[in-house]
């Protein structure tokens, strides 16, 4: 047996050396790039607050004046049943508006600002949402005149809903007449609009939106992805914002009734390949941490 050990070692050494020489695959490289860009993650597995943030991790709740602080009766955290572990559940549209503060999550820059937001939604829009506007995510300061980034569903009356990603800069830059949003032709709105979507009550849909080169003194861009597939771009607009980044907030679930899970933010605009990698992570954002 003692004579076999050197022989076995001699046979195994080339295999070990060959395995060690194999460089990391494209998936490993993509995960490493996503890990480097990750700035914020709220899994909702252990509580309402974020798991990772460069600043305040607290999920705040803005309600009617005089109402007790907290999520109220229309919002709860489900410990299980999310896309990955726990999730937020909006039982019905209500007056309470949950929000994270943007500093440390989306670090706004007055020059050349880029980023991405990822989340999973569980909802049947036509069956579960009321007519009009329903916004699962709003990035907002004040009345929106200095800039407004949002995801929304919209329907006229009880007609079928369309899904939109909007990147609205300073109002004077794109809508100097202050014409109501729905009265503007679609071509005059800085948004992506999608009528055929995979959203359903019995499945989770992955949503990613990116914004690139905002406040850069030239046309910026935005992109929308559903379940890893590109669904449209905001392009050709002067996407200049007038925000004070210290006051910026990321609101969740305005007029929304459904599930929301795995909210994450990245410090730059993700590439289509990175979005596909993100969508395919078997354990969600936790696989990057």
Protein backbone atom coordinates (compact mmCIF):
# COMPACT_ATOMS: atom_id res chain seq x y z
CA UNK A 1 0.00 0.00 0.00
CA UNK A 2 2.89 2.33 0.80
CA UNK A 3 4.07 1.94 -2.78
CA UNK A 4 0.63 2.88 -4.17
CA UNK A 5 0.48 6.28 -2.45
CA UNK A 6 3.16 7.96 -4.63
CA UNK A 7 1.55 6.47 -7.72
CA UNK A 8 -1.91 7.77 -6.80
CA UNK A 9 -0.45 11.19 -6.01
CA UNK A 10 1.31 11.27 -9.37
CA UNK A 11 -1.94 10.44 -11.12
CA UNK A 12 -3.99 13.04 -9.20
CA UNK A 13 -1.60 15.96 -9.43
CA UNK A 14 -2.32 16.78 -13.13
CA UNK A 15 -6.08 16.66 -12.42
CA UNK A 16 -5.74 18.98 -9.41
CA UNK A 17 -3.50 21.35 -11.35
CA UNK A 18 -5.90 21.38 -14.28
CA UNK A 19 -8.89 22.16 -12.04
CA UNK A 20 -6.98 24.93 -10.30
CA UNK A 21 -6.01 26.44 -13.64
CA UNK A 22 -9.65 26.78 -14.80
CA UNK A 23 -10.54 30.47 -14.47
CA UNK A 24 -13.85 31.53 -12.88
CA UNK A 25 -16.76 31.22 -15.31
CA UNK A 26 -18.79 34.14 -16.64
CA UNK A 27 -21.45 33.58 -13.95
CA UNK A 28 -18.86 33.94 -11.19
CA UNK A 29 -17.49 37.10 -12.79
CA UNK A 30 -20.99 38.56 -13.17
CA UNK A 31 -21.80 37.81 -9.54
CA UNK A 32 -18.59 39.48 -8.43
CA UNK A 33 -19.45 42.60 -10.44
CA UNK A 34 -22.97 42.67 -8.99
CA UNK A 35 -21.59 42.20 -5.48
CA UNK A 36 -19.27 45.17 -5.97
CA UNK A 37 -22.11 47.39 -7.20
CA UNK A 38 -24.66 46.38 -4.53
CA UNK A 39 -25.51 49.29 -2.22
CA UNK A 40 -28.76 48.28 -0.52
CA UNK A 41 -30.79 45.15 0.20
CA UNK A 42 -34.07 44.67 2.07
CA UNK A 43 -35.04 40.98 2.11
CA UNK A 44 -37.91 41.41 4.64
CA UNK A 45 -36.92 37.99 6.01
CA UNK A 46 -36.31 39.10 9.62
CA UNK A 47 -38.13 42.41 9.81
CA UNK A 48 -39.18 45.54 7.97
CA UNK A 49 -35.73 47.16 8.00
CA UNK A 50 -33.00 46.70 5.39
CA UNK A 51 -30.34 44.02 5.72
CA UNK A 52 -27.70 46.17 3.99
CA UNK A 53 -27.51 49.95 3.58
CA UNK A 54 -24.87 52.63 3.55
CA UNK A 55 -27.05 54.82 5.76
CA UNK A 56 -30.37 54.52 7.57
CA UNK A 57 -31.70 50.94 7.35
CA UNK A 58 -35.13 51.77 8.80
CA UNK A 59 -38.34 51.32 6.85
CA UNK A 60 -40.30 54.41 7.87
CA UNK A 61 -44.08 54.74 7.73
CA UNK A 62 -45.72 58.03 6.79
CA UNK A 63 -49.40 58.05 7.72
CA UNK A 64 -52.23 60.52 8.24
CA UNK A 65 -51.66 63.21 10.83
CA UNK A 66 -52.38 61.90 14.30
CA UNK A 67 -52.20 58.23 13.27
CA UNK A 68 -49.96 55.96 15.36
CA UNK A 69 -46.58 55.24 13.74
CA UNK A 70 -46.24 51.89 12.04
CA UNK A 71 -47.53 49.91 9.10
CA UNK A 72 -51.20 50.07 10.05
CA UNK A 73 -53.70 47.35 9.21
CA UNK A 74 -53.15 47.30 5.43
CA UNK A 75 -49.42 46.40 5.46
CA UNK A 76 -47.81 43.39 7.06
CA UNK A 77 -44.61 41.40 6.83
CA UNK A 78 -45.04 37.74 5.98
CA UNK A 79 -42.19 35.62 7.44
CA UNK A 80 -42.61 33.09 4.63
CA UNK A 81 -44.26 33.02 1.24
CA UNK A 82 -42.05 35.63 -0.41
CA UNK A 83 -39.98 35.02 -3.50
CA UNK A 84 -37.10 34.29 -1.14
CA UNK A 85 -38.11 33.89 2.51
CA UNK A 86 -40.22 36.74 3.88
CA UNK A 87 -41.93 39.57 2.01
CA UNK A 88 -43.98 42.72 2.40
CA UNK A 89 -47.69 42.25 1.78
CA UNK A 90 -49.96 45.18 0.97
CA UNK A 91 -53.43 43.84 1.75
CA UNK A 92 -55.20 46.78 0.15
CA UNK A 93 -54.40 50.34 -0.88
CA UNK A 94 -54.17 52.46 2.24
CA UNK A 95 -53.09 55.85 3.57
CA UNK A 96 -49.77 54.66 5.05
CA UNK A 97 -46.74 55.16 2.80
CA UNK A 98 -43.65 53.10 3.70
CA UNK A 99 -40.34 54.59 2.63
CA UNK A 100 -36.59 54.23 2.87
CA UNK A 101 -34.36 57.29 2.89
CA UNK A 102 -32.31 57.47 -0.29
CA UNK A 103 -28.89 58.50 1.15
CA UNK A 104 -26.89 55.29 1.47
CA UNK A 105 -29.34 53.52 -0.82
CA UNK A 106 -29.39 55.65 -3.97
CA UNK A 107 -26.66 58.22 -3.43
CA UNK A 108 -27.95 61.03 -5.60
CA UNK A 109 -25.32 63.00 -7.51
CA UNK A 110 -25.82 66.44 -8.96
CA UNK A 111 -23.54 65.45 -11.83
CA UNK A 112 -23.53 62.19 -13.77
CA UNK A 113 -25.80 59.99 -11.63
CA UNK A 114 -26.47 56.32 -12.43
CA UNK A 115 -28.02 53.41 -10.59
CA UNK A 116 -30.40 50.44 -10.67
CA UNK A 117 -33.26 49.13 -8.54
CA UNK A 118 -34.38 45.50 -8.37
CA UNK A 119 -37.48 43.99 -6.73
CA UNK A 120 -39.99 41.16 -7.04
CA UNK A 121 -43.76 41.77 -7.23
CA UNK A 122 -46.69 39.39 -6.84
CA UNK A 123 -49.95 40.81 -8.13
CA UNK A 124 -52.64 40.39 -10.76
CA UNK A 125 -52.97 44.04 -11.80
CA UNK A 126 -56.41 43.93 -13.42
CA UNK A 127 -57.92 41.84 -10.61
CA UNK A 128 -56.13 43.24 -7.54
CA UNK A 129 -55.53 46.94 -8.20
CA UNK A 130 -58.07 49.78 -8.24
CA UNK A 131 -58.59 51.98 -11.31
CA UNK A 132 -56.21 54.88 -11.85
CA UNK A 133 -52.62 54.96 -10.62
CA UNK A 134 -50.88 52.31 -8.52
CA UNK A 135 -47.16 52.86 -7.87
CA UNK A 136 -45.16 50.06 -6.23
CA UNK A 137 -42.03 52.29 -6.24
CA UNK A 138 -41.65 56.07 -6.24
CA UNK A 139 -38.34 57.95 -5.94
CA UNK A 140 -39.49 61.38 -4.99
CA UNK A 141 -38.80 64.65 -3.22
CA UNK A 142 -41.60 67.12 -2.59
CA UNK A 143 -44.24 67.49 -5.29
CA UNK A 144 -42.22 65.91 -8.09
CA UNK A 145 -41.62 69.14 -9.98
CA UNK A 146 -37.84 68.75 -9.54
CA UNK A 147 -37.83 65.13 -10.68
CA UNK A 148 -39.77 61.90 -10.28
CA UNK A 149 -38.75 58.28 -10.95
CA UNK A 150 -41.47 55.65 -10.65
CA UNK A 151 -43.02 52.33 -11.54
CA UNK A 152 -46.76 52.49 -12.06
CA UNK A 153 -49.84 50.72 -13.31
CA UNK A 154 -52.51 52.83 -14.95
CA UNK A 155 -55.99 52.19 -16.25
CA UNK A 156 -58.76 54.44 -17.43
CA UNK A 157 -61.77 53.32 -15.41
CA UNK A 158 -61.85 49.55 -15.18
CA UNK A 159 -60.06 48.94 -18.46
CA UNK A 160 -56.91 46.82 -18.71
CA UNK A 161 -53.88 48.24 -16.94
CA UNK A 162 -50.58 49.19 -18.55
CA UNK A 163 -47.26 49.06 -16.71
CA UNK A 164 -44.84 51.98 -16.89
CA UNK A 165 -41.38 53.04 -15.87
CA UNK A 166 -41.08 56.81 -15.79
CA UNK A 167 -37.97 59.01 -15.50
CA UNK A 168 -39.32 62.54 -15.27
CA UNK A 169 -36.69 65.29 -14.92
CA UNK A 170 -37.28 68.90 -13.83
CA UNK A 171 -40.76 69.76 -15.07
CA UNK A 172 -39.68 72.77 -17.11
CA UNK A 173 -37.30 70.54 -19.07
CA UNK A 174 -39.93 68.15 -20.41
CA UNK A 175 -43.36 69.69 -19.70
CA UNK A 176 -43.08 73.50 -19.51
CA UNK A 177 -46.84 73.93 -20.00
CA UNK A 178 -47.49 71.65 -16.98
CA UNK A 179 -49.93 69.58 -19.03
CA UNK A 180 -51.51 66.74 -17.01
CA UNK A 181 -49.61 63.47 -17.51
CA UNK A 182 -52.45 61.54 -19.13
CA UNK A 183 -53.30 64.38 -21.52
CA UNK A 184 -49.85 64.30 -23.07
CA UNK A 185 -49.26 62.08 -26.11
CA UNK A 186 -47.32 58.95 -25.13
CA UNK A 187 -44.38 60.10 -27.27
CA UNK A 188 -44.08 63.23 -25.11
CA UNK A 189 -43.73 61.31 -21.86
CA UNK A 190 -40.27 60.16 -20.70
CA UNK A 191 -41.32 56.61 -19.91
CA UNK A 192 -41.47 52.98 -20.97
CA UNK A 193 -45.02 51.62 -21.35
CA UNK A 194 -45.77 47.88 -21.50
CA UNK A 195 -49.21 46.37 -22.04
CA UNK A 196 -48.31 42.66 -22.13
CA UNK A 197 -46.65 41.66 -18.83
CA UNK A 198 -46.08 38.43 -16.86
CA UNK A 199 -47.60 39.73 -13.59
CA UNK A 200 -49.97 37.28 -11.87
CA UNK A 201 -51.32 36.53 -8.41
CA UNK A 202 -49.79 33.04 -8.28
CA UNK A 203 -46.23 33.94 -9.35
CA UNK A 204 -43.48 36.43 -8.56
CA UNK A 205 -42.28 38.76 -11.31
CA UNK A 206 -38.78 40.25 -11.26
CA UNK A 207 -38.60 43.98 -12.06
CA UNK A 208 -35.37 45.90 -12.65
CA UNK A 209 -35.09 49.51 -13.73
CA UNK A 210 -31.87 51.33 -14.48
CA UNK A 211 -30.96 54.97 -15.00
CA UNK A 212 -27.72 56.11 -16.59
CA UNK A 213 -25.96 59.46 -17.00
CA UNK A 214 -28.64 61.60 -15.37
CA UNK A 215 -27.54 65.17 -14.65
CA UNK A 216 -24.76 64.73 -17.20
CA UNK A 217 -25.56 67.78 -19.33
CA UNK A 218 -26.73 65.60 -22.20
CA UNK A 219 -29.37 62.97 -22.89
CA UNK A 220 -29.48 60.26 -20.23
CA UNK A 221 -31.08 56.83 -20.43
CA UNK A 222 -33.32 54.51 -18.47
CA UNK A 223 -34.23 50.88 -19.06
CA UNK A 224 -36.92 48.50 -17.80
CA UNK A 225 -36.55 44.72 -17.44
CA UNK A 226 -39.19 42.11 -16.55
CA UNK A 227 -38.02 38.62 -15.58
CA UNK A 228 -34.59 39.37 -17.01
CA UNK A 229 -35.83 40.58 -20.40
CA UNK A 230 -35.42 44.15 -21.65
CA UNK A 231 -38.82 45.74 -22.25
CA UNK A 232 -37.93 49.26 -23.34
CA UNK A 233 -35.82 52.38 -22.84
CA UNK A 234 -36.23 56.02 -21.94
CA UNK A 235 -33.84 57.75 -24.32
CA UNK A 236 -33.32 61.10 -26.03
CA UNK A 237 -34.38 63.23 -23.08
CA UNK A 238 -32.48 65.84 -21.07
CA UNK A 239 -32.75 63.97 -17.77
CA UNK A 240 -31.67 66.77 -15.44
CA UNK A 241 -32.99 66.64 -11.88
CA UNK A 242 -33.06 69.32 -9.20
CA UNK A 243 -33.15 67.21 -6.06
CA UNK A 244 -31.49 67.73 -2.71
CA UNK A 245 -30.20 64.21 -2.16
CA UNK A 246 -30.43 64.55 1.62
CA UNK A 247 -34.23 64.79 1.42
CA UNK A 248 -34.82 62.12 -1.23
CA UNK A 249 -37.04 59.16 -0.34
CA UNK A 250 -37.95 55.82 -1.92
CA UNK A 251 -41.65 55.15 -1.32
CA UNK A 252 -43.22 51.70 -1.61
CA UNK A 253 -46.75 50.54 -2.38
CA UNK A 254 -48.66 53.73 -3.24
CA UNK A 255 -52.15 52.52 -4.15
CA UNK A 256 -50.77 48.97 -4.32
CA UNK A 257 -52.25 45.64 -3.19
CA UNK A 258 -49.92 42.65 -3.53
CA UNK A 259 -46.55 41.25 -2.53
CA UNK A 260 -43.17 43.00 -2.66
CA UNK A 261 -39.88 41.24 -1.96
CA UNK A 262 -36.10 41.51 -2.33
CA UNK A 263 -35.73 45.26 -2.79
CA UNK A 264 -32.16 46.06 -3.84
CA UNK A 265 -30.27 49.04 -5.22
CA UNK A 266 -27.01 49.20 -7.16
CA UNK A 267 -24.54 52.05 -7.60
CA UNK A 268 -24.61 51.98 -11.40
CA UNK A 269 -26.76 50.99 -14.35
CA UNK A 270 -26.62 47.22 -14.70
CA UNK A 271 -26.01 45.67 -18.12
CA UNK A 272 -28.58 43.35 -19.74
CA UNK A 273 -26.32 40.37 -18.99
CA UNK A 274 -26.06 41.39 -15.32
CA UNK A 275 -29.84 41.72 -15.07
CA UNK A 276 -30.20 38.18 -16.44
CA UNK A 277 -27.67 36.92 -13.88
CA UNK A 278 -29.52 38.75 -11.11
CA UNK A 279 -32.84 37.24 -12.20
CA UNK A 280 -31.38 33.71 -12.19
CA UNK A 281 -29.78 33.81 -8.70
CA UNK A 282 -31.19 30.72 -6.93
CA UNK A 283 -31.10 32.37 -3.52
CA UNK A 284 -31.76 35.96 -4.52
CA UNK A 285 -29.61 38.89 -3.42
CA UNK A 286 -28.30 36.83 -0.49
CA UNK A 287 -26.20 34.94 -3.04
CA UNK A 288 -24.20 38.14 -3.58
CA UNK A 289 -23.47 38.83 0.07
